[in-house]
Amino acid sequence: MVVVMGVRSQEGEESIIAPVRDAEAFAFVTLGEGMRIEAIEFRKSFENELFDYIVTPDKHDDLEDAYDLGARALLAMPGMSVEEIVEALMFRELDEIV
């Protein structure tokens, strides 16, 4: 599974989530068995990429491009790190944005 999230800086698992409009980069987090992080890649955009979920701290974020790519959106608390978001995913603590 590949999860994308906008981040304020590129600090690996410690990167802090940001809304799409404020993101410095996008973390592409590949999750393996047991929701373990297999890889984190940082990119400037998620255009024309394939991924399963996009995570944002703002339920009013502009996610139209992600929806057009077939992704589902999840809502995280502001200030969460990549590591905290993956843990929340594991325990199904993130709400889906519809």
Protein backbone atom coordinates (compact mmCIF):
# COMPACT_ATOMS: atom_id res chain seq x y z
CA MET A 1 0.00 0.00 0.00
CA VAL A 2 1.24 3.50 -0.80
CA VAL A 3 0.15 6.44 1.35
CA VAL A 4 0.90 10.04 0.38
CA MET A 5 0.99 13.01 2.71
CA GLY A 6 2.08 16.60 2.34
CA VAL A 7 4.92 17.46 4.70
CA ARG A 8 6.56 20.64 5.97
CA SER A 9 10.10 19.26 5.70
CA GLN A 10 11.87 16.12 4.54
CA GLU A 11 12.90 14.43 7.79
CA GLY A 12 11.96 10.81 7.15
CA GLU A 13 9.57 9.30 9.69
CA GLU A 14 9.78 12.50 11.76
CA SER A 15 8.38 14.68 8.93
CA ILE A 16 5.33 16.68 10.06
CA ILE A 17 2.15 16.57 7.97
CA ALA A 18 0.92 19.66 6.12
CA PRO A 19 -2.14 20.48 4.00
CA VAL A 20 -1.62 20.05 0.25
CA ARG A 21 -1.55 23.83 -0.31
CA ASP A 22 1.21 24.32 2.34
CA ALA A 23 3.31 21.23 1.63
CA GLU A 24 7.01 21.67 0.90
CA ALA A 25 7.06 18.11 -0.45
CA PHE A 26 4.98 14.96 -0.53
CA ALA A 27 6.03 11.84 1.36
CA PHE A 28 5.25 8.63 -0.53
CA VAL A 29 5.21 5.98 2.19
CA THR A 30 5.24 2.36 1.06
CA LEU A 31 3.76 0.07 3.71
CA GLY A 32 4.35 -3.65 3.82
CA GLU A 33 2.98 -6.51 5.85
CA GLY A 34 1.87 -5.47 9.32
CA MET A 35 1.82 -1.80 8.24
CA ARG A 36 5.60 -1.60 8.48
CA ILE A 37 7.28 1.24 6.63
CA GLU A 38 9.27 -0.25 3.75
CA ALA A 39 10.26 3.02 2.08
CA ILE A 40 9.71 6.78 2.19
CA GLU A 41 10.30 8.85 -0.93
CA PHE A 42 9.89 12.61 -1.09
CA ARG A 43 8.59 14.25 -4.25
CA LYS A 44 7.54 17.78 -5.17
CA SER A 45 4.15 16.67 -6.48
CA PHE A 46 1.79 13.72 -6.56
CA GLU A 47 0.57 14.43 -10.10
CA ASN A 48 0.39 11.36 -12.36
CA GLU A 49 1.38 9.04 -9.49
CA LEU A 50 -0.44 5.95 -8.29
CA PHE A 51 -1.20 5.63 -4.59
CA ASP A 52 -3.94 4.29 -2.34
CA TYR A 53 -4.48 7.06 0.21
CA ILE A 54 -3.68 10.71 0.75
CA VAL A 55 -3.58 11.96 4.34
CA THR A 56 -4.21 15.59 5.29
CA PRO A 57 -4.71 17.54 8.54
CA ASP A 58 -7.40 19.74 6.91
CA LYS A 59 -10.77 18.27 5.95
CA HIS A 60 -11.31 21.25 3.63
CA ASP A 61 -8.02 20.67 1.78
CA ASP A 62 -8.10 20.68 -2.04
CA LEU A 63 -7.93 16.95 -2.78
CA GLU A 64 -9.61 16.95 -6.20
CA ASP A 65 -6.39 15.92 -7.99
CA ALA A 66 -5.91 12.99 -5.60
CA TYR A 67 -9.51 11.88 -6.09
CA ASP A 68 -9.02 12.08 -9.87
CA LEU A 69 -6.10 9.64 -9.47
CA GLY A 70 -8.39 7.19 -7.63
CA ALA A 71 -7.04 7.78 -4.13
CA ARG A 72 -9.08 7.88 -0.95
CA ALA A 73 -8.51 10.64 1.62
CA LEU A 74 -7.92 10.29 5.35
CA LEU A 75 -7.96 13.00 8.03
CA ALA A 76 -5.11 13.24 10.55
CA MET A 77 -4.58 15.60 13.48
CA PRO A 78 -2.39 18.65 12.75
CA GLY A 79 1.21 18.22 13.88
CA MET A 80 1.34 14.45 13.43
CA SER A 81 4.53 12.90 12.05
CA VAL A 82 4.73 10.27 9.32
CA GLU A 83 5.47 7.66 11.99
CA GLU A 84 2.43 8.68 14.06
CA ILE A 85 0.19 8.59 11.00
CA VAL A 86 1.34 5.07 10.09
CA GLU A 87 0.64 3.97 13.66
CA ALA A 88 -2.83 5.56 13.47
CA LEU A 89 -3.44 3.74 10.17
CA MET A 90 -2.50 0.45 11.80
CA PHE A 91 -5.15 0.96 14.49
CA ARG A 92 -7.70 2.47 12.05
CA GLU A 93 -7.77 5.76 13.96
CA LEU A 94 -7.98 8.06 10.91
CA ASP A 95 -11.36 9.12 9.55
CA GLU A 96 -12.08 9.01 5.83
CA ILE A 97 -12.91 12.30 4.12
CA VAL A 98 -15.86 11.96 1.77
